Amino acid sequence: MLIISILLEATVMAIAILAARDGRPYMYGLAFTFGAYVFYDLARFQRWDVEGPLLSGLFLIATASALFSVWMLYRDRPR
């Protein structure tokens, strides 16, 4: 299951990068968020010794990045 999760997260990250390169630069925020998820799941899968505060900080930045991206998506919607 973890491998499937990593593959799905990496796919979302890749699609977000493509969308960002296609004129929506705020999508890099979602790419970063899902990149953080990939890193976290890979760390679990490979049993890397990653510090708790490092992951907490990474997730805080990733969440703020996702919030910004979603806010910009909301503002960019057709009216």
C-alpha atoms as a PDB file:
ATOM      1  CA  MET A   1       0.000   0.000   0.000  1.00  0.00           C
ATOM      2  CA  LEU A   2       2.818   2.431   0.814  1.00  0.00           C
ATOM      3  CA  ILE A   3       4.376   1.953  -2.625  1.00  0.00           C
ATOM      4  CA  ILE A   4       1.035   2.745  -4.272  1.00  0.00           C
ATOM      5  CA  SER A   5       0.710   5.851  -2.115  1.00  0.00           C
ATOM      6  CA  ILE A   6       4.202   7.012  -3.100  1.00  0.00           C
ATOM      7  CA  LEU A   7       3.440   6.470  -6.787  1.00  0.00           C
ATOM      8  CA  LEU A   8       0.145   8.382  -6.564  1.00  0.00           C
ATOM      9  CA  GLU A   9       1.744  11.258  -4.658  1.00  0.00           C
ATOM     10  CA  ALA A  10       4.584  11.454  -7.180  1.00  0.00           C
ATOM     11  CA  THR A  11       2.033  11.490 -10.013  1.00  0.00           C
ATOM     12  CA  VAL A  12       0.115  14.369  -8.417  1.00  0.00           C
ATOM     13  CA  MET A  13       3.414  16.205  -7.945  1.00  0.00           C
ATOM     14  CA  ALA A  14       4.345  15.723 -11.615  1.00  0.00           C
ATOM     15  CA  ILE A  15       0.936  16.917 -12.842  1.00  0.00           C
ATOM     16  CA  ALA A  16       1.140  19.974 -10.576  1.00  0.00           C
ATOM     17  CA  ILE A  17       4.558  20.805 -12.052  1.00  0.00           C
ATOM     18  CA  LEU A  18       3.156  20.497 -15.571  1.00  0.00           C
ATOM     19  CA  ALA A  19       0.265  22.801 -14.639  1.00  0.00           C
ATOM     20  CA  ALA A  20       2.709  25.295 -13.121  1.00  0.00           C
ATOM     21  CA  ARG A  21       4.837  25.294 -16.257  1.00  0.00           C
ATOM     22  CA  ASP A  22       1.667  25.834 -18.295  1.00  0.00           C
ATOM     23  CA  GLY A  23       1.059  29.276 -16.834  1.00  0.00           C
ATOM     24  CA  ARG A  24      -0.153  28.645 -13.292  1.00  0.00           C
ATOM     25  CA  PRO A  25       2.997  29.103 -11.185  1.00  0.00           C
ATOM     26  CA  TYR A  26       1.103  28.802  -7.904  1.00  0.00           C
ATOM     27  CA  MET A  27       0.748  25.086  -8.658  1.00  0.00           C
ATOM     28  CA  TYR A  28       4.386  24.711  -7.627  1.00  0.00           C
ATOM     29  CA  GLY A  29       3.007  24.969  -4.089  1.00  0.00           C
ATOM     30  CA  LEU A  30       0.967  21.801  -4.555  1.00  0.00           C
ATOM     31  CA  ALA A  31       3.949  20.144  -6.206  1.00  0.00           C
ATOM     32  CA  PHE A  32       6.042  20.987  -3.137  1.00  0.00           C
ATOM     33  CA  THR A  33       3.333  19.672  -0.812  1.00  0.00           C
ATOM     34  CA  PHE A  34       3.113  16.335  -2.571  1.00  0.00           C
ATOM     35  CA  GLY A  35       6.899  16.206  -2.824  1.00  0.00           C
ATOM     36  CA  ALA A  36       6.969  16.454   0.974  1.00  0.00           C
ATOM     37  CA  TYR A  37       4.488  13.579   1.161  1.00  0.00           C
ATOM     38  CA  VAL A  38       6.700  11.504  -1.139  1.00  0.00           C
ATOM     39  CA  PHE A  39       9.735  12.280   1.032  1.00  0.00           C
ATOM     40  CA  TYR A  40       7.863  11.329   4.211  1.00  0.00           C
ATOM     41  CA  ASP A  41       6.566   8.063   2.781  1.00  0.00           C
ATOM     42  CA  LEU A  42       9.967   7.166   1.315  1.00  0.00           C
ATOM     43  CA  ALA A  43      11.549   7.859   4.704  1.00  0.00           C
ATOM     44  CA  ARG A  44       9.054   5.477   6.305  1.00  0.00           C
ATOM     45  CA  PHE A  45       9.503   2.860   3.592  1.00  0.00           C
ATOM     46  CA  GLN A  46      13.310   2.976   3.710  1.00  0.00           C
ATOM     47  CA  ARG A  47      13.352   3.375   7.513  1.00  0.00           C
ATOM     48  CA  TRP A  48      15.461   6.541   7.306  1.00  0.00           C
ATOM     49  CA  ASP A  49      16.371   8.132  10.609  1.00  0.00           C
ATOM     50  CA  VAL A  50      14.623  11.468  10.112  1.00  0.00           C
ATOM     51  CA  GLU A  51      14.193  13.844  13.029  1.00  0.00           C
ATOM     52  CA  GLY A  52      10.659  14.585  14.265  1.00  0.00           C
ATOM     53  CA  PRO A  53      11.104  18.385  14.255  1.00  0.00           C
ATOM     54  CA  LEU A  54      12.419  18.248  10.674  1.00  0.00           C
ATOM     55  CA  LEU A  55       9.297  16.448   9.499  1.00  0.00           C
ATOM     56  CA  SER A  56       7.056  18.753  11.533  1.00  0.00           C
ATOM     57  CA  GLY A  57       8.661  21.814   9.958  1.00  0.00           C
ATOM     58  CA  LEU A  58       8.471  20.289   6.502  1.00  0.00           C
ATOM     59  CA  PHE A  59       4.783  19.515   6.940  1.00  0.00           C
ATOM     60  CA  LEU A  60       4.077  23.023   8.261  1.00  0.00           C
ATOM     61  CA  ILE A  61       5.716  24.561   5.182  1.00  0.00           C
ATOM     62  CA  ALA A  62       3.963  22.061   2.896  1.00  0.00           C
ATOM     63  CA  THR A  63       0.571  22.863   4.429  1.00  0.00           C
ATOM     64  CA  ALA A  64       1.127  26.613   4.078  1.00  0.00           C
ATOM     65  CA  SER A  65       2.214  26.039   0.487  1.00  0.00           C
ATOM     66  CA  ALA A  66      -0.917  24.006  -0.261  1.00  0.00           C
ATOM     67  CA  LEU A  67      -3.104  26.669   1.358  1.00  0.00           C
ATOM     68  CA  PHE A  68      -1.549  29.364  -0.834  1.00  0.00           C
ATOM     69  CA  SER A  69      -1.989  27.227  -3.968  1.00  0.00           C
ATOM     70  CA  VAL A  70      -5.617  26.441  -3.230  1.00  0.00           C
ATOM     71  CA  TRP A  71      -6.320  30.105  -2.464  1.00  0.00           C
ATOM     72  CA  MET A  72      -4.798  31.097  -5.804  1.00  0.00           C
ATOM     73  CA  LEU A  73      -6.838  28.392  -7.565  1.00  0.00           C
ATOM     74  CA  TYR A  74      -9.952  29.858  -5.976  1.00  0.00           C
ATOM     75  CA  ARG A  75      -9.038  33.364  -7.125  1.00  0.00           C
ATOM     76  CA  ASP A  76      -8.118  32.156 -10.637  1.00  0.00           C
ATOM     77  CA  ARG A  77     -11.431  30.436 -11.331  1.00  0.00           C
ATOM     78  CA  PRO A  78     -13.552  31.615 -14.274  1.00  0.00           C
ATOM     79  CA  ARG A  79     -16.377  33.902 -13.251  1.00  0.00           C
END
